[in-house]
Amino acid sequence: VIDDISYDELGDLIRPFNFEKAEKFSTPAKMPSDYKNFPKNTPRTCVIPMSNKDKSFGFAMFGGENQIGAHIQYIFPDSPASQTQLRANDRILEIDDKFVDED
């Protein structure tokens, strides 16, 4: 998965995209019940515990509409983020008590 802006930037750099090297992910046949039953637009705090061996939080982000905000694009399996309530398309409001829209 690559967002439109990144795809355009790759094109601007004249870097061909090799689809054979792309990692393919399959989506569930239906939406998991914990997604359907979770109240929409409910802010929640997610703490991602990290160990010394972890190299990343385990999620990919993309910018919001008009580059405002940040959203979770993908949660990597067996990562620190996969052990939290974070879900794909969640909007990130703050990181370390700093509002992300202020930068």
N, C-alpha and C. Protein backbone atom coordinates (compact mmCIF):
# COMPACT_ATOMS: atom_id res chain seq x y z
N VAL A 1 0.85 -1.17 0.00
CA VAL A 1 0.00 0.00 0.00
C VAL A 1 0.90 1.23 0.00
N ILE A 2 0.60 2.14 -0.88
CA ILE A 2 1.34 3.39 -0.93
C ILE A 2 0.32 4.50 -1.14
N ASP A 3 0.46 5.57 -0.39
CA ASP A 3 -0.50 6.66 -0.52
C ASP A 3 -0.22 7.47 -1.78
N ASP A 4 -1.20 8.26 -2.19
CA ASP A 4 -1.10 9.02 -3.44
C ASP A 4 0.10 9.97 -3.45
N ILE A 5 0.35 10.63 -2.33
CA ILE A 5 1.44 11.60 -2.28
C ILE A 5 2.79 10.91 -2.48
N SER A 6 2.99 9.78 -1.77
CA SER A 6 4.25 9.04 -1.92
C SER A 6 4.41 8.52 -3.33
N TYR A 7 3.30 8.05 -3.92
CA TYR A 7 3.35 7.55 -5.29
C TYR A 7 3.76 8.67 -6.25
N ASP A 8 3.18 9.85 -6.07
CA ASP A 8 3.53 11.00 -6.91
C ASP A 8 4.99 11.40 -6.71
N GLU A 9 5.46 11.37 -5.45
CA GLU A 9 6.86 11.72 -5.18
C GLU A 9 7.81 10.74 -5.85
N LEU A 10 7.47 9.45 -5.83
CA LEU A 10 8.30 8.47 -6.53
C LEU A 10 8.34 8.77 -8.02
N GLY A 11 7.18 9.15 -8.57
CA GLY A 11 7.13 9.50 -9.99
C GLY A 11 7.96 10.73 -10.30
N ASP A 12 7.92 11.72 -9.40
CA ASP A 12 8.70 12.94 -9.59
C ASP A 12 10.20 12.65 -9.56
N LEU A 13 10.60 11.66 -8.79
CA LEU A 13 12.01 11.30 -8.69
C LEU A 13 12.43 10.34 -9.81
N ILE A 14 11.49 10.02 -10.66
CA ILE A 14 11.71 9.09 -11.78
C ILE A 14 12.28 7.77 -11.26
N ARG A 15 11.65 7.27 -10.19
CA ARG A 15 12.03 5.97 -9.65
C ARG A 15 10.92 4.99 -9.99
N PRO A 16 11.23 4.03 -10.81
CA PRO A 16 10.17 3.07 -11.16
C PRO A 16 9.77 2.25 -9.93
N PHE A 17 8.51 1.92 -9.87
CA PHE A 17 8.00 1.12 -8.76
C PHE A 17 7.92 -0.33 -9.22
N ASN A 18 8.63 -1.22 -8.55
CA ASN A 18 8.67 -2.63 -8.90
C ASN A 18 7.56 -3.36 -8.14
N PHE A 19 6.46 -3.64 -8.82
CA PHE A 19 5.32 -4.29 -8.18
C PHE A 19 5.64 -5.71 -7.74
N GLU A 20 6.64 -6.35 -8.35
CA GLU A 20 7.00 -7.72 -7.96
C GLU A 20 7.59 -7.77 -6.55
N LYS A 21 8.18 -6.69 -6.10
CA LYS A 21 8.77 -6.65 -4.76
C LYS A 21 7.80 -6.15 -3.70
N ALA A 22 6.60 -5.80 -4.12
CA ALA A 22 5.61 -5.29 -3.17
C ALA A 22 5.10 -6.44 -2.31
N GLU A 23 4.95 -6.16 -1.03
CA GLU A 23 4.40 -7.15 -0.11
C GLU A 23 2.88 -7.07 -0.18
N LYS A 24 2.25 -8.20 -0.35
CA LYS A 24 0.80 -8.23 -0.50
C LYS A 24 0.16 -8.61 0.82
N PHE A 25 -0.90 -7.91 1.16
CA PHE A 25 -1.66 -8.17 2.38
C PHE A 25 -3.09 -8.50 1.99
N SER A 26 -3.66 -9.46 2.67
CA SER A 26 -5.07 -9.75 2.42
C SER A 26 -5.90 -9.15 3.54
N THR A 27 -7.06 -8.69 3.19
CA THR A 27 -7.94 -8.09 4.18
C THR A 27 -8.93 -9.14 4.68
N PRO A 28 -9.45 -8.96 5.87
CA PRO A 28 -10.42 -9.94 6.36
C PRO A 28 -11.68 -9.94 5.49
N ALA A 29 -12.35 -11.09 5.45
CA ALA A 29 -13.57 -11.21 4.64
C ALA A 29 -14.66 -10.27 5.13
N LYS A 30 -14.69 -10.03 6.42
CA LYS A 30 -15.66 -9.08 6.98
C LYS A 30 -15.00 -8.32 8.12
N MET A 31 -15.58 -7.20 8.46
CA MET A 31 -15.00 -6.36 9.51
C MET A 31 -15.06 -7.09 10.85
N PRO A 32 -13.93 -7.14 11.57
CA PRO A 32 -13.94 -7.79 12.89
C PRO A 32 -14.94 -7.12 13.83
N SER A 33 -15.56 -7.91 14.69
CA SER A 33 -16.61 -7.39 15.57
C SER A 33 -16.08 -6.32 16.52
N ASP A 34 -14.80 -6.42 16.95
CA ASP A 34 -14.29 -5.38 17.85
C ASP A 34 -14.20 -4.03 17.15
N TYR A 35 -14.03 -4.01 15.83
CA TYR A 35 -14.05 -2.75 15.09
C TYR A 35 -15.47 -2.20 15.01
N LYS A 36 -16.42 -3.07 14.67
CA LYS A 36 -17.80 -2.63 14.52
C LYS A 36 -18.39 -2.14 15.83
N ASN A 37 -18.03 -2.77 16.92
CA ASN A 37 -18.63 -2.45 18.21
C ASN A 37 -17.96 -1.30 18.95
N PHE A 38 -16.82 -0.83 18.45
CA PHE A 38 -16.12 0.26 19.13
C PHE A 38 -16.78 1.58 18.77
N PRO A 39 -17.08 2.43 19.77
CA PRO A 39 -17.73 3.72 19.47
C PRO A 39 -16.87 4.57 18.55
N LYS A 40 -17.51 5.17 17.55
CA LYS A 40 -16.78 6.02 16.60
C LYS A 40 -16.40 7.34 17.25
N ASN A 41 -15.29 7.90 16.78
CA ASN A 41 -14.81 9.22 17.20
C ASN A 41 -14.64 9.32 18.71
N THR A 42 -14.19 8.26 19.33
CA THR A 42 -13.95 8.25 20.76
C THR A 42 -12.45 8.31 21.00
N PRO A 43 -11.93 9.44 21.49
CA PRO A 43 -10.49 9.51 21.76
C PRO A 43 -10.10 8.50 22.83
N ARG A 44 -8.93 7.91 22.67
CA ARG A 44 -8.41 7.00 23.67
C ARG A 44 -6.90 7.12 23.70
N THR A 45 -6.33 6.83 24.82
CA THR A 45 -4.88 6.87 24.97
C THR A 45 -4.33 5.47 24.73
N CYS A 46 -3.36 5.37 23.86
CA CYS A 46 -2.70 4.10 23.58
C CYS A 46 -1.23 4.25 23.93
N VAL A 47 -0.79 3.47 24.89
CA VAL A 47 0.62 3.46 25.27
C VAL A 47 1.26 2.26 24.58
N ILE A 48 2.35 2.51 23.87
CA ILE A 48 3.04 1.43 23.16
C ILE A 48 4.29 1.07 23.94
N PRO A 49 4.26 -0.04 24.67
CA PRO A 49 5.45 -0.44 25.43
C PRO A 49 6.54 -0.95 24.48
N MET A 50 7.74 -0.46 24.69
CA MET A 50 8.87 -0.84 23.84
C MET A 50 9.92 -1.55 24.68
N SER A 51 10.53 -2.56 24.09
CA SER A 51 11.66 -3.22 24.74
C SER A 51 12.93 -2.81 24.02
N ASN A 52 14.07 -3.17 24.58
CA ASN A 52 15.35 -2.80 23.96
C ASN A 52 15.53 -3.43 22.59
N LYS A 53 14.88 -4.56 22.34
CA LYS A 53 15.05 -5.23 21.04
C LYS A 53 14.11 -4.68 19.96
N ASP A 54 13.10 -3.90 20.34
CA ASP A 54 12.18 -3.34 19.35
C ASP A 54 12.87 -2.23 18.56
N LYS A 55 12.73 -2.30 17.24
CA LYS A 55 13.35 -1.29 16.37
C LYS A 55 12.37 -0.21 15.94
N SER A 56 11.07 -0.49 16.07
CA SER A 56 10.07 0.51 15.71
C SER A 56 8.81 0.27 16.53
N PHE A 57 7.89 1.23 16.47
CA PHE A 57 6.61 1.07 17.16
C PHE A 57 5.75 0.01 16.48
N GLY A 58 5.93 -0.15 15.18
CA GLY A 58 5.20 -1.18 14.47
C GLY A 58 3.96 -0.71 13.74
N PHE A 59 3.96 0.55 13.31
CA PHE A 59 2.84 1.01 12.49
C PHE A 59 3.35 1.98 11.45
N ALA A 60 2.59 2.08 10.35
CA ALA A 60 2.89 3.04 9.30
C ALA A 60 1.84 4.14 9.37
N MET A 61 2.24 5.38 9.07
CA MET A 61 1.34 6.52 9.15
C MET A 61 1.20 7.17 7.78
N PHE A 62 0.12 7.94 7.63
CA PHE A 62 -0.04 8.79 6.45
C PHE A 62 -0.66 10.10 6.91
N GLY A 63 -0.43 11.16 6.12
CA GLY A 63 -0.97 12.47 6.46
C GLY A 63 -2.45 12.54 6.16
N GLY A 64 -3.13 13.39 6.89
CA GLY A 64 -4.57 13.57 6.68
C GLY A 64 -4.87 14.45 5.49
N GLU A 65 -6.14 14.75 5.32
CA GLU A 65 -6.58 15.60 4.22
C GLU A 65 -5.89 16.95 4.31
N ASN A 66 -5.38 17.44 3.19
CA ASN A 66 -4.62 18.70 3.13
C ASN A 66 -3.41 18.67 4.06
N GLN A 67 -2.87 17.48 4.27
CA GLN A 67 -1.69 17.28 5.12
C GLN A 67 -1.92 17.73 6.55
N ILE A 68 -3.15 17.68 7.02
CA ILE A 68 -3.46 18.03 8.41
C ILE A 68 -3.68 16.73 9.17
N GLY A 69 -2.96 16.60 10.26
CA GLY A 69 -3.11 15.42 11.09
C GLY A 69 -2.28 14.25 10.60
N ALA A 70 -2.37 13.18 11.34
CA ALA A 70 -1.67 11.94 10.99
C ALA A 70 -2.62 10.79 11.29
N HIS A 71 -2.55 9.76 10.47
CA HIS A 71 -3.43 8.61 10.62
C HIS A 71 -2.61 7.33 10.56
N ILE A 72 -3.12 6.29 11.20
CA ILE A 72 -2.50 4.98 11.15
C ILE A 72 -2.86 4.34 9.81
N GLN A 73 -1.85 3.98 9.05
CA GLN A 73 -2.10 3.32 7.77
C GLN A 73 -2.15 1.81 7.95
N TYR A 74 -1.22 1.27 8.74
CA TYR A 74 -1.11 -0.18 8.88
C TYR A 74 -0.45 -0.50 10.21
N ILE A 75 -0.93 -1.53 10.87
CA ILE A 75 -0.31 -2.05 12.09
C ILE A 75 0.42 -3.33 11.71
N PHE A 76 1.72 -3.38 11.95
CA PHE A 76 2.48 -4.57 11.59
C PHE A 76 2.23 -5.69 12.60
N PRO A 77 2.01 -6.91 12.11
CA PRO A 77 1.76 -8.03 13.02
C PRO A 77 2.94 -8.26 13.97
N ASP A 78 2.65 -8.73 15.15
CA ASP A 78 3.67 -9.06 16.16
C ASP A 78 4.58 -7.89 16.49
N SER A 79 4.06 -6.69 16.42
CA SER A 79 4.83 -5.48 16.75
C SER A 79 4.30 -4.92 18.06
N PRO A 80 5.05 -3.98 18.68
CA PRO A 80 4.53 -3.34 19.89
C PRO A 80 3.15 -2.72 19.67
N ALA A 81 2.92 -2.08 18.53
CA ALA A 81 1.63 -1.44 18.27
C ALA A 81 0.50 -2.46 18.15
N SER A 82 0.82 -3.67 17.71
CA SER A 82 -0.23 -4.69 17.56
C SER A 82 -0.77 -5.15 18.91
N GLN A 83 -0.07 -4.82 19.98
CA GLN A 83 -0.51 -5.20 21.33
C GLN A 83 -1.36 -4.12 21.98
N THR A 84 -1.72 -3.09 21.21
CA THR A 84 -2.50 -1.96 21.74
C THR A 84 -3.86 -1.89 21.06
N GLN A 85 -4.61 -0.83 21.37
CA GLN A 85 -5.92 -0.61 20.75
C GLN A 85 -5.82 0.15 19.43
N LEU A 86 -4.62 0.45 18.95
CA LEU A 86 -4.50 1.17 17.69
C LEU A 86 -5.08 0.34 16.56
N ARG A 87 -5.74 1.03 15.61
CA ARG A 87 -6.32 0.37 14.45
C ARG A 87 -6.00 1.19 13.21
N ALA A 88 -6.02 0.53 12.07
CA ALA A 88 -5.83 1.23 10.80
C ALA A 88 -6.87 2.34 10.68
N ASN A 89 -6.44 3.47 10.17
CA ASN A 89 -7.25 4.68 9.95
C ASN A 89 -7.53 5.48 11.22
N ASP A 90 -6.99 5.07 12.36
CA ASP A 90 -7.10 5.91 13.55
C ASP A 90 -6.39 7.23 13.29
N ARG A 91 -6.96 8.31 13.77
CA ARG A 91 -6.30 9.61 13.69
C ARG A 91 -5.46 9.80 14.94
N ILE A 92 -4.22 10.20 14.75
CA ILE A 92 -3.33 10.47 15.87
C ILE A 92 -3.48 11.93 16.23
N LEU A 93 -3.86 12.19 17.47
CA LEU A 93 -4.04 13.56 17.94
C LEU A 93 -2.78 14.10 18.60
N GLU A 94 -2.16 13.28 19.44
CA GLU A 94 -0.97 13.71 20.18
C GLU A 94 0.06 12.59 20.22
N ILE A 95 1.31 12.99 20.23
CA ILE A 95 2.42 12.08 20.48
C ILE A 95 3.27 12.72 21.55
N ASP A 96 3.49 12.00 22.65
CA ASP A 96 4.24 12.54 23.80
C ASP A 96 3.69 13.88 24.25
N ASP A 97 2.36 13.97 24.38
CA ASP A 97 1.65 15.16 24.84
C ASP A 97 1.80 16.37 23.92
N LYS A 98 2.21 16.15 22.68
CA LYS A 98 2.33 17.25 21.71
C LYS A 98 1.28 17.03 20.61
N PHE A 99 0.43 18.04 20.39
CA PHE A 99 -0.62 17.99 19.38
C PHE A 99 0.02 17.92 18.00
N VAL A 100 -0.29 16.90 17.21
CA VAL A 100 0.42 16.69 15.95
C VAL A 100 0.08 17.72 14.87
N ASP A 101 -1.07 18.38 14.95
CA ASP A 101 -1.44 19.36 13.93
C ASP A 101 -0.69 20.68 14.06
N GLU A 102 0.08 20.86 15.11
CA GLU A 102 0.76 22.14 15.32
C GLU A 102 2.06 22.26 14.54
N ASP A 103 2.55 21.17 13.95
CA ASP A 103 3.80 21.23 13.18
C ASP A 103 3.54 21.37 11.71
